[in-house]
Each structure stands twice: as structure tokens, then as C-alpha cells.
């Protein structure tokens, strides 16, 4: 099994939690909970991963996505220890550690300032969260593997007073759209890039 992502979120931020809950097919996560996202290959093994977590702890799953190429699961709890223990049990079962995680790769990290009315309208057609207001600035982030977009979204909201427009956690690439003033999106961009620079420096794969 290949571990594409192993993402621990210690405290779900309000916008991120609400948008995740809107996409959840299972238990709904709420702001303040701890959560974990895992993406693996082959996808069918994701069922066993969830089985291990559920039988070892009291976590609750929001998302179970199964494809032949990859599988994704999200689970959460009000207790951080429950989430961390579930993750540890999964690693232990497969004889893996954090050095086996595939290193995330940032593909796009760009800012567009003073968004025009027509541009905002097109973006808003696919917005899952808040609407993009003309005149605001837009931060666009793309990453591979896709689930790393969850970390970027939650941690950007934690670091900066920012508006979450959209995040995509599955597919070939993860994507994130954030909006705010030019200063706010610049701060969000810096926070995300610094986070991933530190993260990738600690992963060897």
C-alpha cells in the first residue's frame, strides 16, 4: 500500500468544517473537532483502513471515497487523542511511519487582485463555500496528491481572516480558492507556502 497523504488537523476551523460537512456522506464534522484525512493506493484498501480506525477508537467518519486508483477517508472526533490513536493504529497495522508519506508538491500558488464582476460570476458557479465578491483578491492553490488541499484550507483559515470559496480534495490535483483583501490573501499565501516548505522538508519519500 502507498500512503499518499496522512493529514492531522488539530482543530477544524469554522468555514472549513462547514464546507466539509456539506460534502459529507457520513457523520458531520463541526468546528473545533480534530480530524484526519488519508489518501492511499490502491483505493480498495481504504475500507480496511476505516475498519481499523473504527474498531480501535471512537472516531466517526465523514467521507469514504473509493476508486481503483486511490481511496480517501476522513474521520474526526472531539478528542484529539482519539484521532491520533486511530492514525497510529493504521500505521502500525501496515508497518508504516510518517516517512512513508508521499511528499506533497505545490503546482500553483498565485494571487489575482481586484477580481472583475464577470470573473467573479464564473468562479461563483462552482463555489462550494462563500461567494467571491468583485473587487476582492483571489488566492489559487493547487497541490498533488489532492487531499493536501484540506491542510492548506484549514491552516490558512486558522492563520488569517480569510474567506473560503472552494476546496477540492479528490482527483489528480487538489485545489483551493480563498478570497479577501490583497493583504489578507498575501498573508494566506505566505502561511500556506511556509507550512508546505516545513512539511516537505521533514518527508523523505
Foldseek 3Di string as FASTA:
>chain_A
DAWADKDKDQWFAAQLQVLLQVVFPWDRGHTGKIKIKTKDPQQVCQVVLVVQLVVVAPWIWRDWAGDRGMIMTMIIDNDSVSRVVSSVSSCVVVVHDQLRHDQKDKDDWDKDAQAAPVRQVVLLVPWSGDGDDGRKMKIKTKMPPAQCQSVLVRQLVVFFVKGWGDWDRDDGMIMTMIIDHPVSSVRSSVRSVVVSVVVNVPHDD
